[in-house]
C-alpha atoms as a PDB file:
ATOM      1  CA  MET A   1      -1.999 -11.349   8.556  1.00  0.00           C
ATOM      2  CA  ILE A   2      -3.635  -7.949   8.900  1.00  0.00           C
ATOM      3  CA  LEU A   3      -1.696  -6.954  12.000  1.00  0.00           C
ATOM      4  CA  PRO A   4       1.767  -8.055  13.087  1.00  0.00           C
ATOM      5  CA  THR A   5       1.883 -10.687  15.809  1.00  0.00           C
ATOM      6  CA  LYS A   6       4.503 -12.735  17.584  1.00  0.00           C
ATOM      7  CA  HIS A   7       4.984 -14.858  14.448  1.00  0.00           C
ATOM      8  CA  ILE A   8       4.188 -12.282  11.730  1.00  0.00           C
ATOM      9  CA  ASN A   9       6.667  -9.459  11.129  1.00  0.00           C
ATOM     10  CA  ILE A  10       5.444  -5.947  10.356  1.00  0.00           C
ATOM     11  CA  SER A  11       6.711  -6.330   6.796  1.00  0.00           C
ATOM     12  CA  GLU A  12       4.570  -9.453   6.367  1.00  0.00           C
ATOM     13  CA  SER A  13       1.377  -7.790   7.626  1.00  0.00           C
ATOM     14  CA  LEU A  14      -1.128  -5.831   5.551  1.00  0.00           C
ATOM     15  CA  ILE A  15      -0.726  -2.826   7.836  1.00  0.00           C
ATOM     16  CA  GLY A  16       3.030  -2.835   7.200  1.00  0.00           C
ATOM     17  CA  LEU A  17       2.442  -3.181   3.470  1.00  0.00           C
ATOM     18  CA  GLY A  18      -0.044  -0.312   3.637  1.00  0.00           C
ATOM     19  CA  GLY A  19       2.547   1.881   5.304  1.00  0.00           C
ATOM     20  CA  LEU A  20       4.960   1.188   2.476  1.00  0.00           C
ATOM     21  CA  LEU A  21       2.326   1.855  -0.176  1.00  0.00           C
ATOM     22  CA  VAL A  22       1.425   5.223   1.358  1.00  0.00           C
ATOM     23  CA  LYS A  23       5.066   6.274   0.952  1.00  0.00           C
ATOM     24  CA  PHE A  24       4.708   5.771  -2.825  1.00  0.00           C
ATOM     25  CA  LEU A  25       1.621   8.002  -2.999  1.00  0.00           C
ATOM     26  CA  ASN A  26       3.356  11.376  -3.110  1.00  0.00           C
ATOM     27  CA  GLU A  27       1.423  11.879  -6.365  1.00  0.00           C
ATOM     28  CA  PRO A  28      -1.859  10.341  -7.589  1.00  0.00           C
ATOM     29  CA  LEU A  29      -1.238   6.912  -9.133  1.00  0.00           C
ATOM     30  CA  THR A  30      -3.380   4.261 -10.757  1.00  0.00           C
ATOM     31  CA  ILE A  31      -3.332   0.863  -9.131  1.00  0.00           C
ATOM     32  CA  ASP A  32      -1.159  -0.445 -11.989  1.00  0.00           C
ATOM     33  CA  GLN A  33       1.392   2.334 -11.473  1.00  0.00           C
ATOM     34  CA  LEU A  34       1.410   1.685  -7.731  1.00  0.00           C
ATOM     35  CA  TRP A  35       1.928  -2.042  -8.327  1.00  0.00           C
ATOM     36  CA  MET A  36       4.851  -1.309 -10.650  1.00  0.00           C
ATOM     37  CA  LYS A  37       6.472   0.982  -8.047  1.00  0.00           C
ATOM     38  CA  TYR A  38       6.019  -1.663  -5.354  1.00  0.00           C
ATOM     39  CA  SER A  39       7.362  -4.418  -7.624  1.00  0.00           C
ATOM     40  CA  LYS A  40      10.437  -2.356  -8.499  1.00  0.00           C
ATOM     41  CA  HIS A  41      11.058  -1.570  -4.829  1.00  0.00           C
ATOM     42  CA  ASN A  42      10.580  -5.194  -3.811  1.00  0.00           C
ATOM     43  CA  LYS A  43      13.167  -6.527  -6.291  1.00  0.00           C
ATOM     44  CA  GLY A  44      15.815  -5.577  -3.738  1.00  0.00           C
ATOM     45  CA  LYS A  45      14.150  -7.977  -1.264  1.00  0.00           C
ATOM     46  CA  LYS A  46      14.014  -5.229   1.370  1.00  0.00           C
ATOM     47  CA  PHE A  47      10.428  -6.082   2.222  1.00  0.00           C
ATOM     48  CA  ALA A  48       8.446  -9.304   2.549  1.00  0.00           C
ATOM     49  CA  TYR A  49       6.904 -10.573  -0.691  1.00  0.00           C
ATOM     50  CA  HIS A  50       3.267  -9.640  -1.251  1.00  0.00           C
ATOM     51  CA  ASN A  51       1.252 -10.464  -4.337  1.00  0.00           C
ATOM     52  CA  PHE A  52      -1.229  -8.183  -6.100  1.00  0.00           C
ATOM     53  CA  ASP A  53      -4.126  -9.486  -3.981  1.00  0.00           C
ATOM     54  CA  HIS A  54      -2.327  -8.411  -0.800  1.00  0.00           C
ATOM     55  CA  VAL A  55      -1.725  -4.956  -2.280  1.00  0.00           C
ATOM     56  CA  VAL A  56      -5.451  -4.611  -3.017  1.00  0.00           C
ATOM     57  CA  LEU A  57      -6.342  -5.751   0.520  1.00  0.00           C
ATOM     58  CA  ALA A  58      -3.867  -3.258   2.005  1.00  0.00           C
ATOM     59  CA  LEU A  59      -5.380  -0.485  -0.127  1.00  0.00           C
ATOM     60  CA  ASP A  60      -8.863  -1.489   1.062  1.00  0.00           C
ATOM     61  CA  ALA A  61      -7.709  -1.186   4.671  1.00  0.00           C
ATOM     62  CA  LEU A  62      -6.104   2.211   4.009  1.00  0.00           C
ATOM     63  CA  TYR A  63      -9.291   3.435   2.340  1.00  0.00           C
ATOM     64  CA  LEU A  64     -11.432   2.272   5.247  1.00  0.00           C
ATOM     65  CA  LEU A  65      -9.105   4.082   7.648  1.00  0.00           C
ATOM     66  CA  GLY A  66      -9.452   7.275   5.593  1.00  0.00           C
ATOM     67  CA  LEU A  67      -5.761   7.443   4.704  1.00  0.00           C
ATOM     68  CA  ILE A  68      -6.198   7.254   0.925  1.00  0.00           C
ATOM     69  CA  GLU A  69      -8.836   8.468  -1.517  1.00  0.00           C
ATOM     70  CA  ILE A  70      -9.657   7.926  -5.180  1.00  0.00           C
ATOM     71  CA  ASN A  71     -10.088  10.840  -7.573  1.00  0.00           C
ATOM     72  CA  GLU A  72     -12.450  11.085 -10.557  1.00  0.00           C
ATOM     73  CA  ARG A  73      -9.804   9.586 -12.881  1.00  0.00           C
ATOM     74  CA  GLY A  74      -9.514   6.483 -10.696  1.00  0.00           C
ATOM     75  CA  GLU A  75      -6.126   7.449  -9.275  1.00  0.00           C
ATOM     76  CA  ILE A  76      -5.261   6.730  -5.666  1.00  0.00           C
ATOM     77  CA  TYR A  77      -3.796   9.530  -3.587  1.00  0.00           C
ATOM     78  CA  ASN A  78      -2.719  10.147  -0.005  1.00  0.00           C
ATOM     79  CA  ALA A  79      -5.714  11.773   1.710  1.00  0.00           C
ATOM     80  CA  VAL A  80      -3.695  12.836   4.760  1.00  0.00           C
ATOM     81  CA  ASP A  81      -1.330  15.057   2.716  1.00  0.00           C
ATOM     82  CA  LYS A  82      -4.264  16.700   0.906  1.00  0.00           C
ATOM     83  CA  ALA A  83      -6.139  17.606   4.106  1.00  0.00           C
END
């Protein structure tokens, strides 16, 4: 589920979800704001369904990879754009 395989599409994987979430981080957002943006985007069924737990796991992976950071207000931001 973390990486796409023969039977798991990129949109169903956590890496694919992480790529989508990074696109929403053009400004610092709280996790609730990020969830609302993802939920609104996903209403069009353009992406595989992921629940809140999957979003948190994708954010954990992005943080471990150094792609996102958290500021002093608890907002998540794209660390690659700020570098």
